[in-house]
Amino acid sequence: MDMVKAFKKLHDRVSAMQLEAKILREVPMRRRPRRCFYNPSHVYISDKSEKKFCSHECYSSFCYGSDAIIARLLEKSELDGNNCLIFSGSRDKDGYGLIGVRGKNIRVPKLAWELKYEVKVPFGLNVCHTCDKPPCFNPDHLFLGTYLDNMRDCSRKGRIKSLHGSDNPMSVLTEQAVITIRNLWETGEYTKTELGNMFHVSVTAASRAIRHDTWRHVL
């Protein structure tokens, strides 16, 4: 008796499944219920067969949500020996990684800091590196500071090298030329205009060199 009941129960279940399959076959493909690609618990019906998301909110969360962005960052990262997460994707002229978010290119270190602390970088502050590696976006290597703080940090670590005198490729004069200009000026026989023309520089450049406003390292 129990076997008969079990068989009948199984028969009813199979019949129900066959009926459900028949109903689905009769429903147009594009009108069938679908599960959201981002959140499978969301079931929706769409007229577009290529649509994968139930709403714009789910689409935005999939593309621009914190989890999605972190996954994109880690996909293009390499860990070096100093525990730096080096971004291997696109970079700007200064070496900082760039990633597109909502149609805008954002520096990766800035984005990594904001993802960690879940706040925007305050206006007037920059994201600086303790490791001095622009491609790195390890949040533990990032800190906030002003532009002046960043420049002082670079100078203290020897990353900024000032090019003095003739070492500067933009310089027209040389140390010896500056000494000659000053010596000729002290004779009182030449004007600043004449000295500027003689050494192919402006009157202002010659005057500043004479007054030690420039070329201060030349005594």
Protein backbone atom coordinates (compact mmCIF):
# COMPACT_ATOMS: atom_id res chain seq x y z
CA MET A 1 0.00 0.00 0.00
CA ASP A 2 2.83 2.31 0.89
CA MET A 3 4.52 1.49 -2.40
CA VAL A 4 1.38 2.36 -4.33
CA LYS A 5 1.12 5.72 -2.54
CA ALA A 6 4.76 6.48 -3.20
CA PHE A 7 4.37 5.60 -6.88
CA LYS A 8 1.26 7.80 -7.14
CA LYS A 9 3.08 10.69 -5.44
CA LEU A 10 6.00 10.32 -7.86
CA HIS A 11 3.59 10.17 -10.79
CA ASP A 12 1.85 13.34 -9.66
CA ARG A 13 5.23 15.12 -9.28
CA VAL A 14 6.35 14.09 -12.76
CA SER A 15 3.03 15.20 -14.19
CA ALA A 16 3.39 18.56 -12.50
CA MET A 17 6.92 18.97 -13.91
CA GLN A 18 5.70 18.06 -17.40
CA LEU A 19 2.86 20.56 -17.11
CA GLU A 20 5.31 23.28 -15.99
CA ALA A 21 7.60 22.47 -18.91
CA LYS A 22 4.68 22.65 -21.33
CA ILE A 23 3.65 26.06 -19.96
CA LEU A 24 7.20 27.35 -20.31
CA ARG A 25 7.36 26.12 -23.91
CA GLU A 26 4.23 28.07 -24.67
CA VAL A 27 5.64 31.27 -23.13
CA PRO A 28 7.75 33.30 -25.60
CA MET A 29 11.47 33.03 -24.85
CA ARG A 30 11.86 36.72 -24.21
CA ARG A 31 9.02 36.78 -21.70
CA ARG A 32 10.32 33.99 -19.49
CA PRO A 33 11.29 34.77 -15.89
CA ARG A 34 15.00 35.40 -15.39
CA ARG A 35 17.30 35.72 -12.43
CA CYS A 36 19.35 38.88 -12.04
CA PHE A 37 23.01 38.37 -12.92
CA TYR A 38 24.12 40.50 -9.96
CA ASN A 39 21.59 39.31 -7.38
CA PRO A 40 20.12 35.86 -8.22
CA SER A 41 17.43 36.33 -5.57
CA HIS A 42 15.85 38.94 -7.87
CA VAL A 43 13.53 37.39 -10.46
CA TYR A 44 12.28 39.55 -13.32
CA ILE A 45 10.59 39.33 -16.72
CA SER A 46 12.12 41.26 -19.59
CA ASP A 47 11.22 41.87 -23.21
CA LYS A 48 14.94 41.99 -24.06
CA SER A 49 16.61 38.62 -24.32
CA GLU A 50 20.08 40.15 -23.80
CA LYS A 51 19.17 41.89 -20.55
CA LYS A 52 21.04 40.37 -17.59
CA PHE A 53 20.09 42.70 -14.75
CA CYS A 54 16.73 43.29 -13.13
CA SER A 55 17.32 47.02 -12.58
CA HIS A 56 19.73 49.88 -13.15
CA GLU A 57 20.64 49.75 -9.45
CA CYS A 58 21.86 46.15 -9.78
CA TYR A 59 23.72 47.02 -12.96
CA SER A 60 25.45 49.97 -11.26
CA SER A 61 26.29 47.85 -8.22
CA PHE A 62 27.78 45.18 -10.46
CA CYS A 63 29.89 47.66 -12.46
CA TYR A 64 30.72 50.33 -9.89
CA GLY A 65 30.04 48.84 -6.48
CA SER A 66 32.95 48.62 -4.06
CA ASP A 67 33.23 44.85 -4.44
CA ALA A 68 33.29 45.11 -8.21
CA ILE A 69 35.90 47.87 -8.22
CA ILE A 70 38.11 46.01 -5.73
CA ALA A 71 37.90 42.93 -7.95
CA ARG A 72 38.94 45.03 -10.96
CA LEU A 73 41.87 46.51 -9.04
CA LEU A 74 43.12 43.16 -7.77
CA GLU A 75 42.80 41.68 -11.25
CA LYS A 76 45.44 44.17 -12.43
CA SER A 77 47.77 44.09 -9.44
CA GLU A 78 51.08 42.48 -8.59
CA LEU A 79 52.55 42.10 -5.10
CA ASP A 80 56.24 42.93 -4.82
CA GLY A 81 58.75 42.14 -2.12
CA ASN A 82 57.90 45.26 -0.09
CA ASN A 83 54.23 44.32 0.16
CA CYS A 84 53.35 46.94 -2.43
CA LEU A 85 50.31 46.32 -4.61
CA ILE A 86 51.59 47.50 -7.98
CA PHE A 87 48.90 48.43 -10.49
CA SER A 88 49.71 46.88 -13.88
CA GLY A 89 47.00 48.67 -15.86
CA SER A 90 46.99 52.12 -17.44
CA ARG A 91 49.04 54.87 -15.81
CA ASP A 92 49.28 58.63 -16.12
CA LYS A 93 52.43 60.65 -16.89
CA ASP A 94 53.38 60.65 -13.20
CA GLY A 95 53.21 56.85 -12.91
CA TYR A 96 49.93 56.65 -10.97
CA GLY A 97 47.48 53.93 -12.00
CA LEU A 98 44.26 54.97 -13.70
CA ILE A 99 40.93 53.17 -13.71
CA GLY A 100 37.64 54.18 -15.29
CA VAL A 101 34.67 54.64 -12.96
CA ARG A 102 31.38 56.01 -14.32
CA GLY A 103 33.07 57.45 -17.37
CA LYS A 104 35.92 59.17 -15.51
CA ASN A 105 39.55 58.16 -15.05
CA ILE A 106 40.48 58.15 -11.37
CA ARG A 107 43.91 57.68 -9.84
CA VAL A 108 44.08 54.23 -8.29
CA PRO A 109 45.76 55.24 -4.98
CA LYS A 110 43.02 57.84 -4.37
CA LEU A 111 40.32 55.28 -5.14
CA ALA A 112 41.95 52.66 -2.90
CA TRP A 113 42.09 55.10 0.02
CA GLU A 114 38.43 56.03 -0.44
CA LEU A 115 37.38 52.38 -0.63
CA LYS A 116 39.20 51.58 2.60
CA TYR A 117 37.84 54.47 4.66
CA GLU A 118 34.51 54.74 2.78
CA VAL A 119 34.79 58.55 2.51
CA LYS A 120 35.92 60.95 -0.18
CA VAL A 121 39.37 62.51 0.03
CA PRO A 122 38.81 65.94 1.64
CA PHE A 123 39.22 68.96 -0.62
CA GLY A 124 42.76 70.33 -0.61
CA LEU A 125 44.41 67.06 0.47
CA ASN A 126 46.38 64.56 -1.58
CA VAL A 127 46.93 60.83 -1.18
CA CYS A 128 50.63 60.32 -0.44
CA HIS A 129 52.79 57.16 -0.33
CA THR A 130 55.00 55.97 2.50
CA CYS A 131 56.64 53.57 0.03
CA ASP A 132 57.32 56.31 -2.57
CA LYS A 133 55.94 54.15 -5.38
CA PRO A 134 53.24 55.90 -7.44
CA PRO A 135 51.87 52.64 -8.95
CA CYS A 136 51.31 51.17 -5.46
CA PHE A 137 47.76 51.20 -4.09
CA ASN A 138 48.18 49.20 -0.89
CA PRO A 139 45.93 51.16 1.54
CA ASP A 140 48.46 50.57 4.34
CA HIS A 141 51.03 52.55 2.34
CA LEU A 142 48.77 55.57 1.80
CA PHE A 143 48.22 58.67 3.91
CA LEU A 144 46.65 62.09 3.44
CA GLY A 145 48.61 65.32 3.24
CA THR A 146 48.65 68.72 1.59
CA TYR A 147 50.62 69.42 -1.57
CA LEU A 148 53.27 71.09 0.58
CA ASP A 149 53.42 68.05 2.89
CA ASN A 150 53.94 65.83 -0.13
CA MET A 151 56.73 68.03 -1.51
CA ARG A 152 58.47 68.14 1.88
CA ASP A 153 58.23 64.38 2.15
CA CYS A 154 59.72 64.00 -1.33
CA SER A 155 62.52 66.43 -0.54
CA ARG A 156 63.28 64.74 2.79
CA LYS A 157 63.59 61.38 1.06
CA GLY A 158 65.77 62.79 -1.71
CA ARG A 159 63.24 62.28 -4.50
CA ILE A 160 63.37 65.92 -5.64
CA LYS A 161 66.62 67.01 -7.17
CA SER A 162 67.00 70.71 -7.93
CA LEU A 163 69.01 71.50 -11.04
CA HIS A 164 71.19 74.50 -10.30
CA GLY A 165 73.03 76.68 -12.75
CA SER A 166 74.31 75.13 -15.95
CA ASP A 167 72.95 71.72 -14.87
CA ASN A 168 69.52 73.07 -15.74
CA PRO A 169 68.90 72.34 -19.44
CA MET A 170 66.90 75.59 -19.72
CA SER A 171 69.82 77.71 -18.62
CA VAL A 172 71.49 80.05 -21.14
CA LEU A 173 74.27 81.28 -18.89
CA THR A 174 77.04 79.30 -17.24
CA GLU A 175 78.81 79.83 -13.93
CA GLN A 176 81.81 81.36 -15.68
CA ALA A 177 79.58 83.69 -17.70
CA VAL A 178 77.88 84.92 -14.53
CA ILE A 179 81.25 85.66 -12.91
CA THR A 180 82.27 87.59 -16.04
CA ILE A 181 79.01 89.58 -16.07
CA ARG A 182 79.46 90.59 -12.43
CA ASN A 183 83.10 91.56 -12.93
CA LEU A 184 82.27 93.67 -15.97
CA TRP A 185 79.41 95.37 -14.14
CA GLU A 186 81.71 96.31 -11.27
CA THR A 187 84.02 98.12 -13.69
CA GLY A 188 81.21 100.58 -14.38
CA GLU A 189 81.92 100.54 -18.11
CA TYR A 190 78.90 98.49 -19.15
CA THR A 191 75.16 98.82 -18.68
CA LYS A 192 72.89 95.91 -17.87
CA THR A 193 71.42 96.16 -21.37
CA GLU A 194 74.87 95.86 -22.93
CA LEU A 195 75.75 92.90 -20.70
CA GLY A 196 72.46 91.19 -21.57
CA ASN A 197 73.08 91.64 -25.29
CA MET A 198 76.67 90.47 -24.92
CA PHE A 199 75.62 87.18 -23.30
CA HIS A 200 72.35 86.74 -25.23
CA VAL A 201 70.03 87.11 -22.24
CA SER A 202 67.40 89.65 -21.30
CA VAL A 203 68.14 92.76 -19.26
CA THR A 204 66.11 91.25 -16.41
CA ALA A 205 68.17 88.04 -16.43
CA ALA A 206 71.43 89.96 -16.40
CA SER A 207 70.20 92.27 -13.64
CA ARG A 208 69.05 89.41 -11.42
CA ALA A 209 72.36 87.60 -11.89
CA ILE A 210 74.24 90.77 -10.89
CA ARG A 211 72.09 91.25 -7.77
CA HIS A 212 72.53 87.58 -6.79
CA ASP A 213 68.77 87.03 -7.05
CA THR A 214 69.73 84.12 -9.27
CA TRP A 215 72.90 82.05 -9.45
CA ARG A 216 73.33 82.44 -5.69
CA HIS A 217 75.66 79.44 -5.59
CA VAL A 218 78.16 81.41 -7.67
CA LEU A 219 80.14 83.68 -5.35
